[in-house]
Amino acid sequence: MGLFDRFKKSDADPLTIYAPISGKVIPLEQLADKTFSSKIMGDGVAIIPSEGKIFAPVNGTISALLDTKHAYGVTAEGGYELLVHIGQDTVNLKGEGFTTKAKQDKKIKKGELLGTFDIDFIKKSGYEIATPVIVMQGDYKIKTRTEATEVKAGDVLFTVSK
């Protein structure tokens, strides 16, 4: 073993997920959408946004960006797959009320502005704005979760490891 080998990042190292939006943190179980509340897609938390900006939660690559601009799939360094889904059933808005600066397969840095969304428009259109931030299904465990009830974009949400 070389002098610096112990400092190499391994797949087992924890990954910190940072808040992609500012707002109130709630458990996934409180969401009306059973796909998220039952954790079928993965585990994490939800945030009720207080402002309509979404930032990169980790360093990685945009692995999924729908034309409707309401959801971002991110492959984090280390291979974890994350989903940030703005609101619930907001796919039905067909992109109205959303803008994106992100591009499919683009490398991103934590804290980089990915897009914006109009909270009032989404609410007036009859949709929930609670935004799940989850690690997609896989062989991982959430090690720590924030105990904060309010977060600012860039605050630590949780850590995961394999």
N, C-alpha and C. Protein backbone atom coordinates (compact mmCIF):
# COMPACT_ATOMS: atom_id res chain seq x y z
N MET A 1 0.85 -1.18 0.00
CA MET A 1 0.00 0.00 0.00
C MET A 1 0.90 1.24 0.00
N GLY A 2 0.62 2.16 -0.95
CA GLY A 2 1.40 3.38 -1.06
C GLY A 2 1.03 4.37 0.03
N LEU A 3 1.86 5.38 0.18
CA LEU A 3 1.67 6.39 1.20
C LEU A 3 0.30 7.06 1.15
N PHE A 4 -0.20 7.35 -0.07
CA PHE A 4 -1.46 8.08 -0.19
C PHE A 4 -2.67 7.18 -0.46
N ASP A 5 -2.48 5.86 -0.55
CA ASP A 5 -3.59 4.95 -0.85
C ASP A 5 -4.73 5.07 0.15
N ARG A 6 -4.43 5.33 1.40
CA ARG A 6 -5.50 5.42 2.39
C ARG A 6 -6.38 6.64 2.19
N PHE A 7 -5.96 7.58 1.34
CA PHE A 7 -6.75 8.78 1.09
C PHE A 7 -7.61 8.66 -0.17
N LYS A 8 -7.49 7.56 -0.91
CA LYS A 8 -8.29 7.38 -2.12
C LYS A 8 -9.75 7.22 -1.74
N LYS A 9 -10.62 7.83 -2.53
CA LYS A 9 -12.06 7.72 -2.28
C LYS A 9 -12.52 6.36 -2.79
N SER A 10 -13.28 5.66 -1.99
CA SER A 10 -13.82 4.37 -2.41
C SER A 10 -15.32 4.48 -2.53
N ASP A 11 -15.92 3.49 -3.19
CA ASP A 11 -17.38 3.47 -3.35
C ASP A 11 -18.08 3.38 -2.01
N ALA A 12 -17.39 2.90 -0.98
CA ALA A 12 -18.01 2.74 0.34
C ALA A 12 -18.01 4.04 1.15
N ASP A 13 -17.25 5.03 0.67
CA ASP A 13 -17.20 6.30 1.39
C ASP A 13 -18.58 6.95 1.39
N PRO A 14 -18.92 7.64 2.47
CA PRO A 14 -20.22 8.31 2.49
C PRO A 14 -20.27 9.46 1.48
N LEU A 15 -21.45 9.69 0.95
CA LEU A 15 -21.70 10.82 0.06
C LEU A 15 -22.65 11.76 0.78
N THR A 16 -22.31 13.03 0.81
CA THR A 16 -23.18 14.03 1.42
C THR A 16 -24.09 14.61 0.35
N ILE A 17 -25.38 14.63 0.64
CA ILE A 17 -26.39 15.22 -0.24
C ILE A 17 -26.76 16.57 0.36
N TYR A 18 -26.64 17.61 -0.44
CA TYR A 18 -26.93 18.97 0.03
C TYR A 18 -28.31 19.41 -0.48
N ALA A 19 -28.95 20.27 0.28
CA ALA A 19 -30.28 20.75 -0.09
C ALA A 19 -30.23 21.46 -1.44
N PRO A 20 -31.04 20.99 -2.41
CA PRO A 20 -31.07 21.65 -3.71
C PRO A 20 -31.97 22.88 -3.73
N ILE A 21 -32.81 23.02 -2.71
CA ILE A 21 -33.71 24.16 -2.60
C ILE A 21 -33.81 24.57 -1.13
N SER A 22 -34.24 25.78 -0.89
CA SER A 22 -34.48 26.27 0.47
C SER A 22 -35.94 25.98 0.84
N GLY A 23 -36.17 25.67 2.12
CA GLY A 23 -37.53 25.45 2.57
C GLY A 23 -37.62 24.58 3.81
N LYS A 24 -38.84 24.10 4.05
CA LYS A 24 -39.16 23.29 5.22
C LYS A 24 -38.94 21.81 4.90
N VAL A 25 -38.17 21.12 5.75
CA VAL A 25 -37.88 19.70 5.57
C VAL A 25 -38.99 18.87 6.20
N ILE A 26 -39.50 17.89 5.44
CA ILE A 26 -40.51 16.96 5.95
C ILE A 26 -40.12 15.53 5.55
N PRO A 27 -40.58 14.54 6.31
CA PRO A 27 -40.31 13.15 5.94
C PRO A 27 -41.07 12.78 4.66
N LEU A 28 -40.50 11.89 3.87
CA LEU A 28 -41.19 11.41 2.66
C LEU A 28 -42.56 10.83 2.98
N GLU A 29 -42.67 10.21 4.14
CA GLU A 29 -43.93 9.56 4.52
C GLU A 29 -45.10 10.54 4.58
N GLN A 30 -44.84 11.83 4.68
CA GLN A 30 -45.92 12.83 4.75
C GLN A 30 -46.45 13.23 3.38
N LEU A 31 -45.82 12.77 2.31
CA LEU A 31 -46.26 13.13 0.97
C LEU A 31 -47.51 12.34 0.58
N ALA A 32 -48.40 13.00 -0.15
CA ALA A 32 -49.63 12.35 -0.61
C ALA A 32 -49.33 11.32 -1.70
N ASP A 33 -48.31 11.55 -2.50
CA ASP A 33 -47.95 10.66 -3.60
C ASP A 33 -47.30 9.39 -3.03
N LYS A 34 -48.00 8.28 -3.16
CA LYS A 34 -47.55 7.00 -2.58
C LYS A 34 -46.24 6.50 -3.19
N THR A 35 -45.95 6.91 -4.43
CA THR A 35 -44.69 6.51 -5.06
C THR A 35 -43.52 7.00 -4.23
N PHE A 36 -43.65 8.20 -3.67
CA PHE A 36 -42.58 8.76 -2.85
C PHE A 36 -42.75 8.39 -1.38
N SER A 37 -43.98 8.49 -0.86
CA SER A 37 -44.18 8.28 0.58
C SER A 37 -43.91 6.84 1.00
N SER A 38 -44.10 5.89 0.09
CA SER A 38 -43.81 4.49 0.42
C SER A 38 -42.37 4.11 0.09
N LYS A 39 -41.61 5.06 -0.44
CA LYS A 39 -40.19 4.89 -0.76
C LYS A 39 -39.95 3.82 -1.82
N ILE A 40 -40.92 3.64 -2.70
CA ILE A 40 -40.77 2.68 -3.81
C ILE A 40 -39.57 3.04 -4.67
N MET A 41 -39.38 4.32 -4.92
CA MET A 41 -38.30 4.78 -5.80
C MET A 41 -36.98 4.95 -5.06
N GLY A 42 -37.03 5.10 -3.74
CA GLY A 42 -35.82 5.31 -2.96
C GLY A 42 -36.10 6.10 -1.71
N ASP A 43 -35.07 6.33 -0.92
CA ASP A 43 -35.20 7.01 0.37
C ASP A 43 -34.59 8.40 0.29
N GLY A 44 -35.01 9.25 1.20
CA GLY A 44 -34.49 10.61 1.27
C GLY A 44 -35.39 11.46 2.14
N VAL A 45 -35.62 12.71 1.72
CA VAL A 45 -36.50 13.64 2.43
C VAL A 45 -37.25 14.46 1.39
N ALA A 46 -38.19 15.26 1.86
CA ALA A 46 -38.87 16.21 0.98
C ALA A 46 -38.68 17.61 1.56
N ILE A 47 -38.74 18.59 0.67
CA ILE A 47 -38.62 19.98 1.09
C ILE A 47 -39.80 20.75 0.50
N ILE A 48 -40.49 21.52 1.35
CA ILE A 48 -41.53 22.43 0.87
C ILE A 48 -40.80 23.73 0.56
N PRO A 49 -40.66 24.07 -0.73
CA PRO A 49 -39.82 25.20 -1.12
C PRO A 49 -40.32 26.55 -0.61
N SER A 50 -39.35 27.40 -0.23
CA SER A 50 -39.67 28.77 0.15
C SER A 50 -39.25 29.74 -0.96
N GLU A 51 -38.47 29.25 -1.93
CA GLU A 51 -38.13 30.04 -3.11
C GLU A 51 -37.99 29.11 -4.30
N GLY A 52 -38.18 29.65 -5.47
CA GLY A 52 -38.25 28.84 -6.68
C GLY A 52 -36.95 28.67 -7.44
N LYS A 53 -35.90 28.31 -6.74
CA LYS A 53 -34.61 28.04 -7.39
C LYS A 53 -34.14 26.65 -6.98
N ILE A 54 -33.59 25.92 -7.95
CA ILE A 54 -33.05 24.60 -7.67
C ILE A 54 -31.57 24.58 -8.03
N PHE A 55 -30.79 24.04 -7.09
CA PHE A 55 -29.34 24.00 -7.23
C PHE A 55 -28.87 22.54 -7.21
N ALA A 56 -27.70 22.29 -7.77
CA ALA A 56 -27.13 20.94 -7.78
C ALA A 56 -26.87 20.48 -6.35
N PRO A 57 -27.39 19.29 -5.97
CA PRO A 57 -27.21 18.78 -4.61
C PRO A 57 -25.86 18.11 -4.38
N VAL A 58 -25.13 17.82 -5.46
CA VAL A 58 -23.84 17.13 -5.40
C VAL A 58 -23.04 17.47 -6.65
N ASN A 59 -21.79 17.08 -6.65
CA ASN A 59 -21.02 17.08 -7.90
C ASN A 59 -21.42 15.83 -8.66
N GLY A 60 -21.61 15.95 -9.96
CA GLY A 60 -22.01 14.78 -10.73
C GLY A 60 -22.37 15.14 -12.15
N THR A 61 -23.33 14.39 -12.70
CA THR A 61 -23.77 14.56 -14.08
C THR A 61 -25.29 14.52 -14.13
N ILE A 62 -25.88 15.38 -14.95
CA ILE A 62 -27.33 15.32 -15.17
C ILE A 62 -27.59 14.07 -16.00
N SER A 63 -28.22 13.07 -15.40
CA SER A 63 -28.47 11.80 -16.08
C SER A 63 -29.88 11.70 -16.62
N ALA A 64 -30.79 12.56 -16.15
CA ALA A 64 -32.16 12.58 -16.66
C ALA A 64 -32.72 13.99 -16.50
N LEU A 65 -33.19 14.53 -17.61
CA LEU A 65 -33.83 15.84 -17.59
C LEU A 65 -35.00 15.77 -18.55
N LEU A 66 -36.19 15.79 -17.98
CA LEU A 66 -37.39 15.67 -18.79
C LEU A 66 -37.73 16.99 -19.47
N ASP A 67 -38.43 16.89 -20.60
CA ASP A 67 -38.88 18.09 -21.31
C ASP A 67 -39.76 18.97 -20.44
N THR A 68 -40.41 18.37 -19.46
CA THR A 68 -41.30 19.11 -18.56
C THR A 68 -40.56 19.89 -17.48
N LYS A 69 -39.26 19.71 -17.38
CA LYS A 69 -38.37 20.49 -16.51
C LYS A 69 -38.72 20.42 -15.02
N HIS A 70 -39.53 19.46 -14.62
CA HIS A 70 -39.97 19.37 -13.23
C HIS A 70 -39.15 18.38 -12.40
N ALA A 71 -38.25 17.63 -13.06
CA ALA A 71 -37.49 16.60 -12.35
C ALA A 71 -36.08 16.52 -12.92
N TYR A 72 -35.13 16.30 -12.00
CA TYR A 72 -33.73 16.19 -12.37
C TYR A 72 -33.18 14.88 -11.83
N GLY A 73 -32.64 14.06 -12.72
CA GLY A 73 -31.90 12.89 -12.30
C GLY A 73 -30.43 13.24 -12.31
N VAL A 74 -29.74 12.90 -11.25
CA VAL A 74 -28.32 13.23 -11.12
C VAL A 74 -27.56 11.97 -10.74
N THR A 75 -26.50 11.69 -11.48
CA THR A 75 -25.59 10.63 -11.08
C THR A 75 -24.43 11.31 -10.37
N ALA A 76 -24.34 11.04 -9.08
CA ALA A 76 -23.30 11.66 -8.25
C ALA A 76 -21.97 10.96 -8.47
N GLU A 77 -20.90 11.67 -8.19
CA GLU A 77 -19.59 11.03 -8.21
C GLU A 77 -19.66 9.87 -7.22
N GLY A 78 -19.20 8.72 -7.60
CA GLY A 78 -19.31 7.53 -6.77
C GLY A 78 -20.44 6.63 -7.21
N GLY A 79 -21.28 7.10 -8.16
CA GLY A 79 -22.30 6.24 -8.75
C GLY A 79 -23.69 6.32 -8.18
N TYR A 80 -23.91 7.05 -7.10
CA TYR A 80 -25.26 7.15 -6.56
C TYR A 80 -26.17 7.88 -7.53
N GLU A 81 -27.42 7.40 -7.66
CA GLU A 81 -28.42 8.02 -8.52
C GLU A 81 -29.40 8.79 -7.64
N LEU A 82 -29.54 10.09 -7.92
CA LEU A 82 -30.45 10.93 -7.14
C LEU A 82 -31.58 11.44 -8.03
N LEU A 83 -32.70 11.74 -7.40
CA LEU A 83 -33.82 12.36 -8.08
C LEU A 83 -34.29 13.54 -7.25
N VAL A 84 -34.43 14.69 -7.91
CA VAL A 84 -35.05 15.86 -7.30
C VAL A 84 -36.29 16.13 -8.15
N HIS A 85 -37.46 15.95 -7.55
CA HIS A 85 -38.74 16.01 -8.26
C HIS A 85 -39.54 17.19 -7.72
N ILE A 86 -39.57 18.29 -8.46
CA ILE A 86 -40.23 19.51 -7.98
C ILE A 86 -41.74 19.31 -7.97
N GLY A 87 -42.30 19.29 -6.78
CA GLY A 87 -43.74 19.10 -6.62
C GLY A 87 -44.18 17.67 -6.89
N GLN A 88 -45.49 17.48 -6.89
CA GLN A 88 -46.06 16.16 -7.13
C GLN A 88 -47.11 16.27 -8.23
N ASP A 89 -47.02 15.37 -9.18
CA ASP A 89 -47.88 15.36 -10.38
C ASP A 89 -47.66 16.59 -11.25
N THR A 90 -46.57 17.31 -11.03
CA THR A 90 -46.28 18.52 -11.80
C THR A 90 -45.89 18.22 -13.24
N VAL A 91 -45.70 16.96 -13.57
CA VAL A 91 -45.48 16.58 -14.97
C VAL A 91 -46.66 17.06 -15.81
N ASN A 92 -47.84 17.12 -15.20
CA ASN A 92 -49.05 17.55 -15.91
C ASN A 92 -49.01 19.00 -16.36
N LEU A 93 -48.10 19.79 -15.81
CA LEU A 93 -47.97 21.19 -16.21
C LEU A 93 -47.21 21.34 -17.53
N LYS A 94 -46.64 20.24 -18.02
CA LYS A 94 -45.96 20.20 -19.32
C LYS A 94 -44.89 21.28 -19.47
N GLY A 95 -44.19 21.56 -18.38
CA GLY A 95 -43.09 22.51 -18.41
C GLY A 95 -43.47 23.95 -18.09
N GLU A 96 -44.78 24.24 -18.07
CA GLU A 96 -45.20 25.61 -17.75
C GLU A 96 -44.88 25.91 -16.29
N GLY A 97 -44.26 27.07 -16.05
CA GLY A 97 -43.87 27.47 -14.70
C GLY A 97 -42.46 27.02 -14.32
N PHE A 98 -41.77 26.36 -15.24
CA PHE A 98 -40.42 25.85 -14.98
C PHE A 98 -39.45 26.37 -16.04
N THR A 99 -38.23 26.67 -15.62
CA THR A 99 -37.14 26.95 -16.57
C THR A 99 -35.97 26.08 -16.14
N THR A 100 -35.11 25.78 -17.08
CA THR A 100 -33.93 25.00 -16.74
C THR A 100 -32.69 25.57 -17.41
N LYS A 101 -31.59 25.51 -16.69
CA LYS A 101 -30.29 25.88 -17.23
C LYS A 101 -29.46 24.62 -17.46
N ALA A 102 -29.93 23.50 -16.93
CA ALA A 102 -29.20 22.24 -17.01
C ALA A 102 -29.37 21.61 -18.39
N LYS A 103 -28.44 20.74 -18.73
CA LYS A 103 -28.51 20.00 -19.98
C LYS A 103 -28.20 18.54 -19.70
N GLN A 104 -28.90 17.67 -20.41
CA GLN A 104 -28.67 16.23 -20.30
C GLN A 104 -27.19 15.91 -20.47
N ASP A 105 -26.67 15.04 -19.63
CA ASP A 105 -25.28 14.55 -19.66
C ASP A 105 -24.23 15.61 -19.32
N LYS A 106 -24.66 16.77 -18.82
CA LYS A 106 -23.73 17.83 -18.44
C LYS A 106 -23.18 17.58 -17.04
N LYS A 107 -21.89 17.80 -16.88
CA LYS A 107 -21.29 17.73 -15.54
C LYS A 107 -21.74 18.95 -14.75
N ILE A 108 -22.03 18.73 -13.47
CA ILE A 108 -22.48 19.81 -12.60
C ILE A 108 -21.65 19.83 -11.32
N LYS A 109 -21.62 20.99 -10.70
CA LYS A 109 -20.93 21.17 -9.42
C LYS A 109 -21.96 21.50 -8.36
N LYS A 110 -21.75 21.00 -7.16
CA LYS A 110 -22.64 21.29 -6.03
C LYS A 110 -22.86 22.80 -5.94
N GLY A 111 -24.12 23.18 -5.81
CA GLY A 111 -24.46 24.58 -5.65
C GLY A 111 -24.73 25.32 -6.95
N GLU A 112 -24.47 24.68 -8.09
CA GLU A 112 -24.72 25.30 -9.40
C GLU A 112 -26.23 25.43 -9.62
N LEU A 113 -26.67 26.58 -10.10
CA LEU A 113 -28.10 26.79 -10.39
C LEU A 113 -28.51 25.91 -11.56
N LEU A 114 -29.51 25.05 -11.33
CA LEU A 114 -29.99 24.14 -12.38
C LEU A 114 -31.23 24.69 -13.07
N GLY A 115 -32.07 25.43 -12.32
CA GLY A 115 -33.29 25.95 -12.92
C GLY A 115 -34.13 26.71 -11.91
N THR A 116 -35.28 27.14 -12.38
CA THR A 116 -36.22 27.88 -11.52
C THR A 116 -37.62 27.32 -11.71
N PHE A 117 -38.48 27.64 -10.75
CA PHE A 117 -39.88 27.23 -10.84
C PHE A 117 -40.73 28.26 -10.10
N ASP A 118 -41.96 28.40 -10.57
CA ASP A 118 -42.88 29.40 -10.05
C ASP A 118 -43.79 28.74 -9.01
N ILE A 119 -43.45 28.92 -7.74
CA ILE A 119 -44.20 28.29 -6.65
C ILE A 119 -45.68 28.66 -6.69
N ASP A 120 -45.98 29.95 -6.84
CA ASP A 120 -47.38 30.39 -6.85
C ASP A 120 -48.15 29.79 -8.02
N PHE A 121 -47.55 29.74 -9.19
CA PHE A 121 -48.20 29.15 -10.36
C PHE A 121 -48.52 27.67 -10.11
N ILE A 122 -47.55 26.94 -9.56
CA ILE A 122 -47.74 25.51 -9.29
C ILE A 122 -48.90 25.33 -8.31
N LYS A 123 -48.92 26.11 -7.23
CA LYS A 123 -50.00 26.02 -6.23
C LYS A 123 -51.34 26.38 -6.85
N LYS A 124 -51.39 27.49 -7.59
CA LYS A 124 -52.65 27.94 -8.21
C LYS A 124 -53.16 26.93 -9.24
N SER A 125 -52.26 26.16 -9.80
CA SER A 125 -52.64 25.12 -10.76
C SER A 125 -53.14 23.86 -10.06
N GLY A 126 -53.09 23.86 -8.72
CA GLY A 126 -53.65 22.75 -7.95
C GLY A 126 -52.68 21.64 -7.59
N TYR A 127 -51.38 21.92 -7.65
CA TYR A 127 -50.39 20.88 -7.37
C TYR A 127 -49.64 21.17 -6.08
N GLU A 128 -49.25 20.09 -5.42
CA GLU A 128 -48.41 20.19 -4.23
C GLU A 128 -47.00 20.60 -4.65
N ILE A 129 -46.35 21.42 -3.84
CA ILE A 129 -44.99 21.85 -4.18
C ILE A 129 -43.92 21.09 -3.40
N ALA A 130 -44.32 20.26 -2.44
CA ALA A 130 -43.33 19.48 -1.68
C ALA A 130 -42.45 18.71 -2.68
N THR A 131 -41.15 18.83 -2.51
CA THR A 131 -40.17 18.34 -3.47
C THR A 131 -39.33 17.21 -2.87
N PRO A 132 -39.56 15.97 -3.31
CA PRO A 132 -38.73 14.86 -2.84
C PRO A 132 -37.30 14.97 -3.36
N VAL A 133 -36.37 14.67 -2.49
CA VAL A 133 -34.95 14.57 -2.83
C VAL A 133 -34.56 13.17 -2.37
N ILE A 134 -34.38 12.28 -3.33
CA ILE A 134 -34.17 10.87 -2.96
C ILE A 134 -32.94 10.28 -3.65
N VAL A 135 -32.40 9.25 -3.01
CA VAL A 135 -31.40 8.40 -3.63
C VAL A 135 -32.19 7.22 -4.18
N MET A 136 -32.06 7.01 -5.48
CA MET A 136 -32.83 5.97 -6.14
C MET A 136 -32.43 4.60 -5.60
N GLN A 137 -33.31 3.64 -5.85
CA GLN A 137 -33.10 2.29 -5.36
C GLN A 137 -31.68 1.81 -5.62
N GLY A 138 -31.17 1.10 -4.69
CA GLY A 138 -29.81 0.57 -4.82
C GLY A 138 -29.34 0.05 -3.48
N ASP A 139 -28.12 -0.39 -3.47
CA ASP A 139 -27.53 -0.97 -2.27
C ASP A 139 -26.84 0.15 -1.48
N TYR A 140 -27.60 0.84 -0.66
CA TYR A 140 -27.06 1.94 0.14
C TYR A 140 -27.86 2.06 1.43
N LYS A 141 -27.31 2.82 2.35
CA LYS A 141 -28.00 3.14 3.60
C LYS A 141 -27.83 4.63 3.87
N ILE A 142 -28.90 5.26 4.32
CA ILE A 142 -28.79 6.64 4.75
C ILE A 142 -28.18 6.61 6.14
N LYS A 143 -27.04 7.29 6.29
CA LYS A 143 -26.30 7.26 7.55
C LYS A 143 -26.76 8.35 8.50
N THR A 144 -26.92 9.55 8.00
CA THR A 144 -27.35 10.66 8.85
C THR A 144 -28.38 11.48 8.08
N ARG A 145 -29.31 12.08 8.80
CA ARG A 145 -30.29 13.00 8.22
C ARG A 145 -30.25 14.29 9.01
N THR A 146 -30.51 15.39 8.34
CA THR A 146 -30.57 16.65 9.05
C THR A 146 -31.69 16.61 10.08
N GLU A 147 -31.46 17.24 11.19
CA GLU A 147 -32.52 17.38 12.20
C GLU A 147 -33.18 18.74 12.08
N ALA A 148 -32.68 19.56 11.14
CA ALA A 148 -33.24 20.90 10.93
C ALA A 148 -34.64 20.78 10.32
N THR A 149 -35.52 21.70 10.69
CA THR A 149 -36.84 21.73 10.08
C THR A 149 -36.88 22.69 8.90
N GLU A 150 -35.90 23.59 8.83
CA GLU A 150 -35.76 24.52 7.72
C GLU A 150 -34.33 24.42 7.21
N VAL A 151 -34.18 24.43 5.87
CA VAL A 151 -32.84 24.43 5.28
C VAL A 151 -32.74 25.53 4.23
N LYS A 152 -31.53 25.95 4.01
CA LYS A 152 -31.19 26.83 2.90
C LYS A 152 -30.51 25.96 1.85
N ALA A 153 -30.68 26.31 0.59
CA ALA A 153 -29.98 25.57 -0.47
C ALA A 153 -28.50 25.52 -0.10
N GLY A 154 -27.93 24.32 -0.18
CA GLY A 154 -26.51 24.13 0.16
C GLY A 154 -26.28 23.55 1.53
N ASP A 155 -27.31 23.55 2.40
CA ASP A 155 -27.18 22.91 3.72
C ASP A 155 -27.15 21.39 3.55
N VAL A 156 -26.51 20.70 4.49
CA VAL A 156 -26.48 19.24 4.45
C VAL A 156 -27.88 18.69 4.72
N LEU A 157 -28.35 17.80 3.82
CA LEU A 157 -29.64 17.11 4.02
C LEU A 157 -29.44 15.75 4.66
N PHE A 158 -28.58 14.92 4.03
CA PHE A 158 -28.30 13.60 4.56
C PHE A 158 -27.03 13.05 3.93
N THR A 159 -26.52 11.96 4.51
CA THR A 159 -25.38 11.26 3.93
C THR A 159 -25.78 9.82 3.67
N VAL A 160 -25.19 9.26 2.63
CA VAL A 160 -25.45 7.86 2.27
C VAL A 160 -24.12 7.15 2.08
N SER A 161 -24.14 5.83 2.28
CA SER A 161 -22.97 5.02 1.94
C SER A 161 -23.44 3.63 1.56
N LYS A 162 -22.57 2.95 0.87
CA LYS A 162 -22.88 1.58 0.39
C LYS A 162 -22.52 0.58 1.45
